[in-house]
PDB file of N, CA and C in Angstrom:
ATOM      1  N   MET A   1      47.149  20.754  25.745  1.00  0.00           N
ATOM      2  CA  MET A   1      46.445  20.875  24.548  1.00  0.00           C
ATOM      3  C   MET A   1      46.708  21.948  23.366  1.00  0.00           C
ATOM      4  N   SER A   2      46.763  21.324  22.464  1.00  0.00           N
ATOM      5  CA  SER A   2      47.477  22.105  21.340  1.00  0.00           C
ATOM      6  C   SER A   2      46.313  21.417  20.220  1.00  0.00           C
ATOM      7  N   GLY A   3      46.612  22.028  19.460  1.00  0.00           N
ATOM      8  CA  GLY A   3      45.369  22.048  17.801  1.00  0.00           C
ATOM      9  C   GLY A   3      45.955  23.457  16.587  1.00  0.00           C
ATOM     10  N   LYS A   4      44.957  22.791  15.903  1.00  0.00           N
ATOM     11  CA  LYS A   4      44.791  23.139  15.291  1.00  0.00           C
ATOM     12  C   LYS A   4      43.320  24.521  14.999  1.00  0.00           C
ATOM     13  N   ILE A   5      43.580  25.008  14.746  1.00  0.00           N
ATOM     14  CA  ILE A   5      42.214  26.469  14.958  1.00  0.00           C
ATOM     15  C   ILE A   5      42.727  28.085  13.885  1.00  0.00           C
ATOM     16  N   LEU A   6      41.040  26.996  13.110  1.00  0.00           N
ATOM     17  CA  LEU A   6      41.168  28.675  11.811  1.00  0.00           C
ATOM     18  C   LEU A   6      40.668  30.004  11.826  1.00  0.00           C
ATOM     19  N   LEU A   7      40.627  30.755  11.981  1.00  0.00           N
ATOM     20  CA  LEU A   7      40.531  31.332  12.924  1.00  0.00           C
ATOM     21  C   LEU A   7      39.587  33.395  11.639  1.00  0.00           C
ATOM     22  N   VAL A   8      38.331  33.229  11.016  1.00  0.00           N
ATOM     23  CA  VAL A   8      37.810  33.312  10.136  1.00  0.00           C
ATOM     24  C   VAL A   8      37.746  34.637  11.055  1.00  0.00           C
ATOM     25  N   GLU A   9      38.224  35.592  11.289  1.00  0.00           N
ATOM     26  CA  GLU A   9      37.665  37.040  11.145  1.00  0.00           C
ATOM     27  C   GLU A   9      38.010  38.346  10.580  1.00  0.00           C
ATOM     28  N   ASP A  10      37.034  39.214  10.837  1.00  0.00           N
ATOM     29  CA  ASP A  10      37.626  40.719   9.557  1.00  0.00           C
ATOM     30  C   ASP A  10      38.076  42.368  10.618  1.00  0.00           C
ATOM     31  N   HIS A  11      37.828  41.677  11.623  1.00  0.00           N
ATOM     32  CA  HIS A  11      38.316  42.839  12.804  1.00  0.00           C
ATOM     33  C   HIS A  11      40.242  42.637  13.123  1.00  0.00           C
ATOM     34  N   GLU A  12      41.511  43.166  12.188  1.00  0.00           N
ATOM     35  CA  GLU A  12      42.560  42.873  12.227  1.00  0.00           C
ATOM     36  C   GLU A  12      42.494  42.882  13.471  1.00  0.00           C
ATOM     37  N   GLU A  13      41.809  44.116  14.401  1.00  0.00           N
ATOM     38  CA  GLU A  13      42.706  43.861  16.435  1.00  0.00           C
ATOM     39  C   GLU A  13      42.204  42.512  16.843  1.00  0.00           C
ATOM     40  N   ILE A  14      40.837  42.368  16.547  1.00  0.00           N
ATOM     41  CA  ILE A  14      40.908  41.001  16.998  1.00  0.00           C
ATOM     42  C   ILE A  14      41.607  40.255  16.443  1.00  0.00           C
ATOM     43  N   TRP A  15      41.734  39.919  15.408  1.00  0.00           N
ATOM     44  CA  TRP A  15      42.325  38.548  14.837  1.00  0.00           C
ATOM     45  C   TRP A  15      44.269  38.560  15.340  1.00  0.00           C
ATOM     46  N   ASP A  16      44.348  39.705  15.909  1.00  0.00           N
ATOM     47  CA  ASP A  16      45.271  40.141  15.823  1.00  0.00           C
ATOM     48  C   ASP A  16      45.643  39.656  16.835  1.00  0.00           C
ATOM     49  N   PHE A  17      44.453  39.791  18.180  1.00  0.00           N
ATOM     50  CA  PHE A  17      44.821  40.035  19.623  1.00  0.00           C
ATOM     51  C   PHE A  17      44.276  37.667  19.901  1.00  0.00           C
ATOM     52  N   LEU A  18      43.663  37.406  19.096  1.00  0.00           N
ATOM     53  CA  LEU A  18      42.379  36.150  19.589  1.00  0.00           C
ATOM     54  C   LEU A  18      44.552  35.397  18.808  1.00  0.00           C
ATOM     55  N   SER A  19      44.580  35.840  17.587  1.00  0.00           N
ATOM     56  CA  SER A  19      46.136  34.327  17.317  1.00  0.00           C
ATOM     57  C   SER A  19      47.611  34.593  18.162  1.00  0.00           C
ATOM     58  N   ARG A  20      47.546  35.847  17.779  1.00  0.00           N
ATOM     59  CA  ARG A  20      48.824  35.503  19.401  1.00  0.00           C
ATOM     60  C   ARG A  20      47.947  34.855  21.085  1.00  0.00           C
ATOM     61  N   ARG A  21      47.631  34.937  21.033  1.00  0.00           N
ATOM     62  CA  ARG A  21      46.992  34.109  22.738  1.00  0.00           C
ATOM     63  C   ARG A  21      46.955  32.971  22.446  1.00  0.00           C
ATOM     64  N   LEU A  22      46.407  32.792  21.227  1.00  0.00           N
ATOM     65  CA  LEU A  22      46.431  30.772  20.873  1.00  0.00           C
ATOM     66  C   LEU A  22      48.329  30.373  20.863  1.00  0.00           C
ATOM     67  N   LYS A  23      48.817  31.109  19.930  1.00  0.00           N
ATOM     68  CA  LYS A  23      49.525  30.968  19.480  1.00  0.00           C
ATOM     69  C   LYS A  23      50.747  31.030  20.932  1.00  0.00           C
ATOM     70  N   ARG A  24      50.986  31.351  21.939  1.00  0.00           N
ATOM     71  CA  ARG A  24      51.057  31.541  23.606  1.00  0.00           C
ATOM     72  C   ARG A  24      50.875  30.627  24.041  1.00  0.00           C
ATOM     73  N   ARG A  25      49.645  29.396  23.779  1.00  0.00           N
ATOM     74  CA  ARG A  25      49.316  28.298  23.843  1.00  0.00           C
ATOM     75  C   ARG A  25      49.484  27.261  23.696  1.00  0.00           C
ATOM     76  N   GLY A  26      50.059  27.476  22.637  1.00  0.00           N
ATOM     77  CA  GLY A  26      50.209  25.495  21.878  1.00  0.00           C
ATOM     78  C   GLY A  26      49.787  26.127  20.660  1.00  0.00           C
ATOM     79  N   TYR A  27      47.486  26.716  20.363  1.00  0.00           N
ATOM     80  CA  TYR A  27      47.339  25.898  19.019  1.00  0.00           C
ATOM     81  C   TYR A  27      48.929  26.993  18.168  1.00  0.00           C
ATOM     82  N   GLU A  28      48.750  26.453  16.662  1.00  0.00           N
ATOM     83  CA  GLU A  28      48.222  26.461  15.562  1.00  0.00           C
ATOM     84  C   GLU A  28      47.464  27.151  15.050  1.00  0.00           C
ATOM     85  N   VAL A  29      47.353  28.140  14.331  1.00  0.00           N
ATOM     86  CA  VAL A  29      46.754  29.277  13.538  1.00  0.00           C
ATOM     87  C   VAL A  29      46.865  29.522  12.408  1.00  0.00           C
ATOM     88  N   VAL A  30      45.825  29.114  11.518  1.00  0.00           N
ATOM     89  CA  VAL A  30      44.947  29.253  10.645  1.00  0.00           C
ATOM     90  C   VAL A  30      44.276  30.410  10.550  1.00  0.00           C
ATOM     91  N   LEU A  31      44.718  31.881   8.893  1.00  0.00           N
ATOM     92  CA  LEU A  31      43.311  33.577   9.392  1.00  0.00           C
ATOM     93  C   LEU A  31      43.246  33.550   7.775  1.00  0.00           C
ATOM     94  N   ALA A  32      41.847  33.545   7.730  1.00  0.00           N
ATOM     95  CA  ALA A  32      41.631  33.831   6.722  1.00  0.00           C
ATOM     96  C   ALA A  32      40.445  35.302   7.655  1.00  0.00           C
ATOM     97  N   HIS A  33      40.112  36.751   6.153  1.00  0.00           N
ATOM     98  CA  HIS A  33      39.244  37.222   6.185  1.00  0.00           C
ATOM     99  C   HIS A  33      38.553  37.756   5.841  1.00  0.00           C
ATOM    100  N   ASP A  34      37.978  36.775   4.894  1.00  0.00           N
ATOM    101  CA  ASP A  34      36.026  36.730   4.878  1.00  0.00           C
ATOM    102  C   ASP A  34      35.362  34.878   4.692  1.00  0.00           C
ATOM    103  N   GLY A  35      34.811  35.237   4.720  1.00  0.00           N
ATOM    104  CA  GLY A  35      33.458  34.006   4.565  1.00  0.00           C
ATOM    105  C   GLY A  35      34.344  32.967   3.434  1.00  0.00           C
ATOM    106  N   GLU A  36      33.558  33.263   2.215  1.00  0.00           N
ATOM    107  CA  GLU A  36      34.914  32.644   1.417  1.00  0.00           C
ATOM    108  C   GLU A  36      36.711  31.688   1.105  1.00  0.00           C
ATOM    109  N   ALA A  37      37.124  32.952   1.889  1.00  0.00           N
ATOM    110  CA  ALA A  37      38.714  32.388   2.470  1.00  0.00           C
ATOM    111  C   ALA A  37      38.052  31.109   3.231  1.00  0.00           C
ATOM    112  N   GLY A  38      37.498  31.828   3.790  1.00  0.00           N
ATOM    113  CA  GLY A  38      37.254  30.201   5.133  1.00  0.00           C
ATOM    114  C   GLY A  38      37.034  29.253   4.926  1.00  0.00           C
ATOM    115  N   VAL A  39      36.182  29.120   4.197  1.00  0.00           N
ATOM    116  CA  VAL A  39      35.645  27.961   3.524  1.00  0.00           C
ATOM    117  C   VAL A  39      37.219  27.263   2.842  1.00  0.00           C
ATOM    118  N   GLN A  40      37.907  27.806   2.057  1.00  0.00           N
ATOM    119  CA  GLN A  40      38.821  27.596   1.160  1.00  0.00           C
ATOM    120  C   GLN A  40      39.668  26.734   2.057  1.00  0.00           C
ATOM    121  N   GLN A  41      40.213  27.967   3.564  1.00  0.00           N
ATOM    122  CA  GLN A  41      41.536  27.597   4.611  1.00  0.00           C
ATOM    123  C   GLN A  41      40.744  26.390   5.049  1.00  0.00           C
ATOM    124  N   ALA A  42      39.554  26.244   5.509  1.00  0.00           N
ATOM    125  CA  ALA A  42      38.963  24.860   6.559  1.00  0.00           C
ATOM    126  C   ALA A  42      39.163  23.274   4.941  1.00  0.00           C
ATOM    127  N   ARG A  43      38.692  23.882   4.382  1.00  0.00           N
ATOM    128  CA  ARG A  43      38.758  23.022   3.498  1.00  0.00           C
ATOM    129  C   ARG A  43      41.384  22.210   3.079  1.00  0.00           C
ATOM    130  N   ALA A  44      41.444  23.616   2.657  1.00  0.00           N
ATOM    131  CA  ALA A  44      42.554  23.094   2.690  1.00  0.00           C
ATOM    132  C   ALA A  44      43.394  22.541   3.916  1.00  0.00           C
ATOM    133  N   ALA A  45      43.100  23.304   4.933  1.00  0.00           N
ATOM    134  CA  ALA A  45      43.916  23.293   5.983  1.00  0.00           C
ATOM    135  C   ALA A  45      43.358  22.078   7.366  1.00  0.00           C
ATOM    136  N   GLN A  46      42.341  21.518   7.127  1.00  0.00           N
ATOM    137  CA  GLN A  46      41.645  20.476   7.902  1.00  0.00           C
ATOM    138  C   GLN A  46      42.033  20.485   9.763  1.00  0.00           C
ATOM    139  N   PRO A  47      41.328  22.758   9.420  1.00  0.00           N
ATOM    140  CA  PRO A  47      41.366  22.107  11.628  1.00  0.00           C
ATOM    141  C   PRO A  47      40.807  21.856  12.135  1.00  0.00           C
ATOM    142  N   ASP A  48      41.599  21.898  12.877  1.00  0.00           N
ATOM    143  CA  ASP A  48      41.217  21.225  15.030  1.00  0.00           C
ATOM    144  C   ASP A  48      38.954  21.955  15.317  1.00  0.00           C
ATOM    145  N   VAL A  49      39.051  23.223  15.205  1.00  0.00           N
ATOM    146  CA  VAL A  49      38.328  23.523  15.599  1.00  0.00           C
ATOM    147  C   VAL A  49      38.301  25.433  14.750  1.00  0.00           C
ATOM    148  N   ILE A  50      37.076  25.784  14.104  1.00  0.00           N
ATOM    149  CA  ILE A  50      37.120  27.150  13.086  1.00  0.00           C
ATOM    150  C   ILE A  50      36.321  28.307  14.655  1.00  0.00           C
ATOM    151  N   LEU A  51      36.914  29.148  14.609  1.00  0.00           N
ATOM    152  CA  LEU A  51      36.745  30.362  14.620  1.00  0.00           C
ATOM    153  C   LEU A  51      35.531  31.801  13.637  1.00  0.00           C
ATOM    154  N   LEU A  52      34.251  31.850  14.126  1.00  0.00           N
ATOM    155  CA  LEU A  52      33.869  32.000  12.635  1.00  0.00           C
ATOM    156  C   LEU A  52      33.210  33.054  12.956  1.00  0.00           C
ATOM    157  N   ASP A  53      33.898  35.185  12.796  1.00  0.00           N
ATOM    158  CA  ASP A  53      33.380  36.005  13.098  1.00  0.00           C
ATOM    159  C   ASP A  53      32.239  35.944  12.397  1.00  0.00           C
ATOM    160  N   MET A  54      30.455  36.540  12.583  1.00  0.00           N
ATOM    161  CA  MET A  54      29.472  35.778  11.684  1.00  0.00           C
ATOM    162  C   MET A  54      28.808  36.765  10.357  1.00  0.00           C
ATOM    163  N   ASN A  55      29.957  38.285  11.203  1.00  0.00           N
ATOM    164  CA  ASN A  55      29.604  39.152  10.426  1.00  0.00           C
ATOM    165  C   ASN A  55      31.011  40.033   9.084  1.00  0.00           C
ATOM    166  N   LEU A  56      30.415  38.872   8.631  1.00  0.00           N
ATOM    167  CA  LEU A  56      31.636  38.694   7.620  1.00  0.00           C
ATOM    168  C   LEU A  56      31.954  38.918   6.161  1.00  0.00           C
ATOM    169  N   PRO A  57      32.816  39.881   5.846  1.00  0.00           N
ATOM    170  CA  PRO A  57      32.330  40.468   4.062  1.00  0.00           C
ATOM    171  C   PRO A  57      32.970  39.297   3.704  1.00  0.00           C
ATOM    172  N   VAL A  58      32.732  39.301   2.059  1.00  0.00           N
ATOM    173  CA  VAL A  58      32.018  37.808   1.183  1.00  0.00           C
ATOM    174  C   VAL A  58      30.518  37.420   0.968  1.00  0.00           C
ATOM    175  N   LEU A  59      30.773  36.425   2.136  1.00  0.00           N
ATOM    176  CA  LEU A  59      29.656  35.185   2.863  1.00  0.00           C
ATOM    177  C   LEU A  59      30.348  36.167   3.801  1.00  0.00           C
ATOM    178  N   ASP A  60      29.308  35.675   4.317  1.00  0.00           N
ATOM    179  CA  ASP A  60      28.903  35.938   6.153  1.00  0.00           C
ATOM    180  C   ASP A  60      28.876  34.303   6.667  1.00  0.00           C
ATOM    181  N   GLY A  61      28.992  34.681   8.295  1.00  0.00           N
ATOM    182  CA  GLY A  61      29.172  34.024   9.282  1.00  0.00           C
ATOM    183  C   GLY A  61      28.512  32.453   8.448  1.00  0.00           C
ATOM    184  N   TRP A  62      26.987  32.827   8.651  1.00  0.00           N
ATOM    185  CA  TRP A  62      26.556  32.052   8.629  1.00  0.00           C
ATOM    186  C   TRP A  62      26.280  31.511   7.188  1.00  0.00           C
ATOM    187  N   SER A  63      25.903  32.236   5.719  1.00  0.00           N
ATOM    188  CA  SER A  63      26.598  30.706   4.822  1.00  0.00           C
ATOM    189  C   SER A  63      27.601  30.505   5.149  1.00  0.00           C
ATOM    190  N   THR A  64      28.757  31.021   5.688  1.00  0.00           N
ATOM    191  CA  THR A  64      30.040  30.354   6.206  1.00  0.00           C
ATOM    192  C   THR A  64      29.743  28.942   6.418  1.00  0.00           C
ATOM    193  N   ALA A  65      28.744  28.805   7.519  1.00  0.00           N
ATOM    194  CA  ALA A  65      28.983  27.593   8.467  1.00  0.00           C
ATOM    195  C   ALA A  65      27.971  26.631   8.121  1.00  0.00           C
ATOM    196  N   ARG A  66      27.091  27.716   6.949  1.00  0.00           N
ATOM    197  CA  ARG A  66      26.396  26.491   6.165  1.00  0.00           C
ATOM    198  C   ARG A  66      27.385  25.406   4.784  1.00  0.00           C
ATOM    199  N   ALA A  67      27.562  26.385   4.133  1.00  0.00           N
ATOM    200  CA  ALA A  67      28.826  25.537   3.097  1.00  0.00           C
ATOM    201  C   ALA A  67      29.282  25.214   4.237  1.00  0.00           C
ATOM    202  N   LEU A  68      30.440  24.931   5.518  1.00  0.00           N
ATOM    203  CA  LEU A  68      31.329  24.182   5.668  1.00  0.00           C
ATOM    204  C   LEU A  68      30.576  22.912   6.229  1.00  0.00           C
ATOM    205  N   LYS A  69      29.301  23.057   6.291  1.00  0.00           N
ATOM    206  CA  LYS A  69      28.459  21.714   7.705  1.00  0.00           C
ATOM    207  C   LYS A  69      28.295  20.551   6.061  1.00  0.00           C
ATOM    208  N   ALA A  70      27.716  21.726   4.302  1.00  0.00           N
ATOM    209  CA  ALA A  70      27.237  20.766   3.650  1.00  0.00           C
ATOM    210  C   ALA A  70      28.046  20.416   2.587  1.00  0.00           C
ATOM    211  N   GLY A  71      29.869  21.191   3.193  1.00  0.00           N
ATOM    212  CA  GLY A  71      30.665  19.695   2.754  1.00  0.00           C
ATOM    213  C   GLY A  71      31.769  18.531   3.758  1.00  0.00           C
ATOM    214  N   GLY A  72      31.692  17.364   2.067  1.00  0.00           N
ATOM    215  CA  GLY A  72      31.834  15.994   3.252  1.00  0.00           C
ATOM    216  C   GLY A  72      33.091  16.128   4.169  1.00  0.00           C
ATOM    217  N   ASP A  73      34.285  16.765   3.136  1.00  0.00           N
ATOM    218  CA  ASP A  73      35.533  17.158   3.931  1.00  0.00           C
ATOM    219  C   ASP A  73      35.492  18.286   5.330  1.00  0.00           C
ATOM    220  N   THR A  74      34.893  19.100   5.804  1.00  0.00           N
ATOM    221  CA  THR A  74      34.779  20.234   6.624  1.00  0.00           C
ATOM    222  C   THR A  74      33.367  19.973   7.479  1.00  0.00           C
ATOM    223  N   ARG A  75      32.952  19.000   6.955  1.00  0.00           N
ATOM    224  CA  ARG A  75      31.189  18.914   7.744  1.00  0.00           C
ATOM    225  C   ARG A  75      31.857  18.503   9.950  1.00  0.00           C
ATOM    226  N   ALA A  76      33.102  17.694   9.708  1.00  0.00           N
ATOM    227  CA  ALA A  76      32.867  17.055  11.464  1.00  0.00           C
ATOM    228  C   ALA A  76      33.823  18.675  11.310  1.00  0.00           C
ATOM    229  N   ILE A  77      34.042  19.251  11.032  1.00  0.00           N
ATOM    230  CA  ILE A  77      34.836  20.410  12.264  1.00  0.00           C
ATOM    231  C   ILE A  77      34.178  21.063  13.002  1.00  0.00           C
ATOM    232  N   PRO A  78      34.339  21.181  14.478  1.00  0.00           N
ATOM    233  CA  PRO A  78      33.014  22.081  15.264  1.00  0.00           C
ATOM    234  C   PRO A  78      33.388  23.381  15.027  1.00  0.00           C
ATOM    235  N   ILE A  79      32.527  24.277  15.167  1.00  0.00           N
ATOM    236  CA  ILE A  79      32.967  25.836  14.507  1.00  0.00           C
ATOM    237  C   ILE A  79      31.725  26.196  15.996  1.00  0.00           C
ATOM    238  N   ILE A  80      33.197  28.009  16.049  1.00  0.00           N
ATOM    239  CA  ILE A  80      32.724  28.290  17.638  1.00  0.00           C
ATOM    240  C   ILE A  80      32.228  29.804  16.505  1.00  0.00           C
ATOM    241  N   ALA A  81      30.806  29.728  17.227  1.00  0.00           N
ATOM    242  CA  ALA A  81      30.264  31.249  16.044  1.00  0.00           C
ATOM    243  C   ALA A  81      30.828  32.279  17.884  1.00  0.00           C
ATOM    244  N   LEU A  82      31.323  34.005  16.268  1.00  0.00           N
ATOM    245  CA  LEU A  82      31.789  35.000  17.515  1.00  0.00           C
ATOM    246  C   LEU A  82      31.259  35.449  16.586  1.00  0.00           C
ATOM    247  N   THR A  83      30.329  36.535  17.937  1.00  0.00           N
ATOM    248  CA  THR A  83      28.787  37.815  17.346  1.00  0.00           C
ATOM    249  C   THR A  83      28.947  38.763  18.001  1.00  0.00           C
ATOM    250  N   ALA A  84      29.193  39.634  17.768  1.00  0.00           N
ATOM    251  CA  ALA A  84      28.555  40.800  18.741  1.00  0.00           C
ATOM    252  C   ALA A  84      27.423  41.566  19.097  1.00  0.00           C
ATOM    253  N   HIS A  85      26.453  39.798  18.270  1.00  0.00           N
ATOM    254  CA  HIS A  85      24.825  40.276  18.426  1.00  0.00           C
ATOM    255  C   HIS A  85      24.331  39.231  19.604  1.00  0.00           C
ATOM    256  N   ALA A  86      24.649  40.170  20.047  1.00  0.00           N
ATOM    257  CA  ALA A  86      24.511  38.953  21.691  1.00  0.00           C
ATOM    258  C   ALA A  86      23.079  38.853  22.005  1.00  0.00           C
ATOM    259  N   MET A  87      22.163  38.556  20.697  1.00  0.00           N
ATOM    260  CA  MET A  87      20.864  38.914  21.273  1.00  0.00           C
ATOM    261  C   MET A  87      19.428  37.830  21.737  1.00  0.00           C
ATOM    262  N   SER A  88      19.081  38.438  21.616  1.00  0.00           N
ATOM    263  CA  SER A  88      17.992  36.093  22.736  1.00  0.00           C
ATOM    264  C   SER A  88      17.980  36.044  20.820  1.00  0.00           C
ATOM    265  N   GLY A  89      18.198  35.080  21.028  1.00  0.00           N
ATOM    266  CA  GLY A  89      17.771  34.779  19.311  1.00  0.00           C
ATOM    267  C   GLY A  89      19.331  34.546  18.417  1.00  0.00           C
ATOM    268  N   ASP A  90      20.699  34.828  18.858  1.00  0.00           N
ATOM    269  CA  ASP A  90      21.006  34.301  18.257  1.00  0.00           C
ATOM    270  C   ASP A  90      22.129  33.428  18.325  1.00  0.00           C
ATOM    271  N   ARG A  91      21.881  32.686  19.230  1.00  0.00           N
ATOM    272  CA  ARG A  91      23.119  31.489  19.566  1.00  0.00           C
ATOM    273  C   ARG A  91      21.281  30.854  18.508  1.00  0.00           C
ATOM    274  N   ASP A  92      20.626  30.670  18.565  1.00  0.00           N
ATOM    275  CA  ASP A  92      20.458  29.601  18.571  1.00  0.00           C
ATOM    276  C   ASP A  92      20.365  29.485  16.901  1.00  0.00           C
ATOM    277  N   LYS A  93      20.153  30.805  15.918  1.00  0.00           N
ATOM    278  CA  LYS A  93      20.485  31.123  14.804  1.00  0.00           C
ATOM    279  C   LYS A  93      21.845  30.206  14.636  1.00  0.00           C
ATOM    280  N   ALA A  94      22.241  31.088  15.458  1.00  0.00           N
ATOM    281  CA  ALA A  94      24.652  30.439  15.177  1.00  0.00           C
ATOM    282  C   ALA A  94      24.475  28.711  15.112  1.00  0.00           C
ATOM    283  N   ILE A  95      23.446  28.320  15.862  1.00  0.00           N
ATOM    284  CA  ILE A  95      24.010  26.517  15.931  1.00  0.00           C
ATOM    285  C   ILE A  95      22.176  25.408  15.060  1.00  0.00           C
ATOM    286  N   GLN A  96      21.700  26.455  14.294  1.00  0.00           N
ATOM    287  CA  GLN A  96      20.764  26.099  13.076  1.00  0.00           C
ATOM    288  C   GLN A  96      21.550  26.976  12.182  1.00  0.00           C
ATOM    289  N   ALA A  97      22.699  27.506  11.907  1.00  0.00           N
ATOM    290  CA  ALA A  97      23.159  27.999  10.283  1.00  0.00           C
ATOM    291  C   ALA A  97      24.546  26.519  10.460  1.00  0.00           C
ATOM    292  N   GLY A  98      24.964  25.930  12.007  1.00  0.00           N
ATOM    293  CA  GLY A  98      26.091  24.531  11.848  1.00  0.00           C
ATOM    294  C   GLY A  98      26.636  24.960  12.676  1.00  0.00           C
ATOM    295  N   CYS A  99      26.896  25.849  13.716  1.00  0.00           N
ATOM    296  CA  CYS A  99      27.778  26.446  14.151  1.00  0.00           C
ATOM    297  C   CYS A  99      26.607  25.211  15.851  1.00  0.00           C
ATOM    298  N   ASP A 100      28.742  24.994  15.732  1.00  0.00           N
ATOM    299  CA  ASP A 100      28.653  24.146  17.484  1.00  0.00           C
ATOM    300  C   ASP A 100      28.859  24.271  18.788  1.00  0.00           C
ATOM    301  N   ASP A 101      28.789  25.884  18.701  1.00  0.00           N
ATOM    302  CA  ASP A 101      28.681  25.899  19.991  1.00  0.00           C
ATOM    303  C   ASP A 101      29.037  27.904  19.264  1.00  0.00           C
ATOM    304  N   TYR A 102      29.053  28.875  20.619  1.00  0.00           N
ATOM    305  CA  TYR A 102      28.520  30.743  20.574  1.00  0.00           C
ATOM    306  C   TYR A 102      29.403  31.165  21.134  1.00  0.00           C
ATOM    307  N   HIS A 103      29.772  32.479  21.197  1.00  0.00           N
ATOM    308  CA  HIS A 103      30.753  33.280  22.260  1.00  0.00           C
ATOM    309  C   HIS A 103      30.633  34.112  21.866  1.00  0.00           C
ATOM    310  N   ALA A 104      30.335  34.952  22.381  1.00  0.00           N
ATOM    311  CA  ALA A 104      29.918  36.488  22.632  1.00  0.00           C
ATOM    312  C   ALA A 104      30.946  37.696  22.264  1.00  0.00           C
ATOM    313  N   LYS A 105      30.650  38.097  21.503  1.00  0.00           N
ATOM    314  CA  LYS A 105      32.022  39.223  21.673  1.00  0.00           C
ATOM    315  C   LYS A 105      31.484  40.627  23.103  1.00  0.00           C
ATOM    316  N   PRO A 106      32.218  41.019  23.709  1.00  0.00           N
ATOM    317  CA  PRO A 106      33.775  41.143  23.624  1.00  0.00           C
ATOM    318  C   PRO A 106      34.369  39.850  24.255  1.00  0.00           C
ATOM    319  N   ILE A 107      34.966  39.583  23.393  1.00  0.00           N
ATOM    320  CA  ILE A 107      35.657  37.976  23.591  1.00  0.00           C
ATOM    321  C   ILE A 107      36.597  37.938  25.519  1.00  0.00           C
ATOM    322  N   ASP A 108      36.221  36.536  26.378  1.00  0.00           N
ATOM    323  CA  ASP A 108      36.326  36.221  26.895  1.00  0.00           C
ATOM    324  C   ASP A 108      37.706  34.617  27.337  1.00  0.00           C
ATOM    325  N   PHE A 109      38.306  34.978  26.816  1.00  0.00           N
ATOM    326  CA  PHE A 109      39.893  34.401  26.124  1.00  0.00           C
ATOM    327  C   PHE A 109      40.090  33.084  27.071  1.00  0.00           C
ATOM    328  N   PRO A 110      39.329  32.940  28.271  1.00  0.00           N
ATOM    329  CA  PRO A 110      39.714  32.056  29.180  1.00  0.00           C
ATOM    330  C   PRO A 110      38.910  31.094  28.775  1.00  0.00           C
ATOM    331  N   LYS A 111      37.440  31.654  29.296  1.00  0.00           N
ATOM    332  CA  LYS A 111      35.755  31.094  28.383  1.00  0.00           C
ATOM    333  C   LYS A 111      35.803  30.502  26.666  1.00  0.00           C
ATOM    334  N   LEU A 112      36.635  30.718  25.744  1.00  0.00           N
ATOM    335  CA  LEU A 112      36.960  31.165  24.495  1.00  0.00           C
ATOM    336  C   LEU A 112      37.952  29.533  24.686  1.00  0.00           C
ATOM    337  N   LEU A 113      39.492  29.558  25.677  1.00  0.00           N
ATOM    338  CA  LEU A 113      39.362  28.478  26.085  1.00  0.00           C
ATOM    339  C   LEU A 113      39.178  27.330  26.174  1.00  0.00           C
ATOM    340  N   THR A 114      38.009  27.865  27.515  1.00  0.00           N
ATOM    341  CA  THR A 114      37.185  26.447  26.745  1.00  0.00           C
ATOM    342  C   THR A 114      36.322  25.661  25.699  1.00  0.00           C
ATOM    343  N   GLN A 115      36.397  26.544  25.459  1.00  0.00           N
ATOM    344  CA  GLN A 115      34.877  26.448  24.973  1.00  0.00           C
ATOM    345  C   GLN A 115      35.428  25.412  23.796  1.00  0.00           C
ATOM    346  N   ILE A 116      37.333  26.557  23.235  1.00  0.00           N
ATOM    347  CA  ILE A 116      38.411  25.136  22.226  1.00  0.00           C
ATOM    348  C   ILE A 116      38.658  24.123  22.584  1.00  0.00           C
ATOM    349  N   GLY A 117      38.678  24.055  23.914  1.00  0.00           N
ATOM    350  CA  GLY A 117      39.619  22.968  24.483  1.00  0.00           C
ATOM    351  C   GLY A 117      38.301  21.328  24.242  1.00  0.00           C
ATOM    352  N   ALA A 118      36.870  21.658  23.898  1.00  0.00           N
ATOM    353  CA  ALA A 118      36.003  20.687  24.871  1.00  0.00           C
ATOM    354  C   ALA A 118      35.593  20.213  23.033  1.00  0.00           C
ATOM    355  N   ALA A 119      35.704  22.114  22.466  1.00  0.00           N
ATOM    356  CA  ALA A 119      34.997  21.030  20.813  1.00  0.00           C
ATOM    357  C   ALA A 119      36.335  20.294  20.854  1.00  0.00           C
ATOM    358  N   ILE A 120      37.620  20.789  20.624  1.00  0.00           N
ATOM    359  CA  ILE A 120      38.976  19.317  19.899  1.00  0.00           C
ATOM    360  C   ILE A 120      38.161  18.161  21.274  1.00  0.00           C
ATOM    361  N   GLY A 121      38.077  18.187  22.033  1.00  0.00           N
ATOM    362  CA  GLY A 121      37.776  17.018  22.841  1.00  0.00           C
ATOM    363  C   GLY A 121      36.203  16.239  22.123  1.00  0.00           C
ATOM    364  N   ALA A 122      35.541  16.754  21.922  1.00  0.00           N
ATOM    365  CA  ALA A 122      33.885  16.306  21.518  1.00  0.00           C
ATOM    366  C   ALA A 122      34.422  15.748  19.684  1.00  0.00           C
ATOM    367  N   ALA A 123      35.278  16.820  19.205  1.00  0.00           N
ATOM    368  CA  ALA A 123      35.669  16.319  18.100  1.00  0.00           C
ATOM    369  C   ALA A 123      36.241  15.249  17.253  1.00  0.00           C
ATOM    370  N   SER A 124      37.138  14.529  18.914  1.00  0.00           N
ATOM    371  CA  SER A 124      38.487  13.054  18.328  1.00  0.00           C
ATOM    372  C   SER A 124      38.162  13.006  18.609  1.00  0.00           C
TER     373      SER A 124
END
């Protein structure tokens, strides 16, 4: 399984860890470090799936998801929300903002790989 993943994450240790592990699995990884850059990168790179941290500078993850789902060129790209806010209601809030799936931090990499595979499979 391979594809292009846009990782929108502002914490260096998380994006470093995730991008290295995803690249080892054969994925191409595009990085953005704030929500506004994430929207621009999604339009430019047209990734197969977006991993979106919800706690972002400039434009937060919820606003970023809404902007992506409102754009004709990015509406169909599956978004997996990454959030440390694993409280009841957060999953619903992420889904309502336009995310297709939800992954609570700390990252469970095997589970995340399954979610990425499902998202790419559903989109194709």
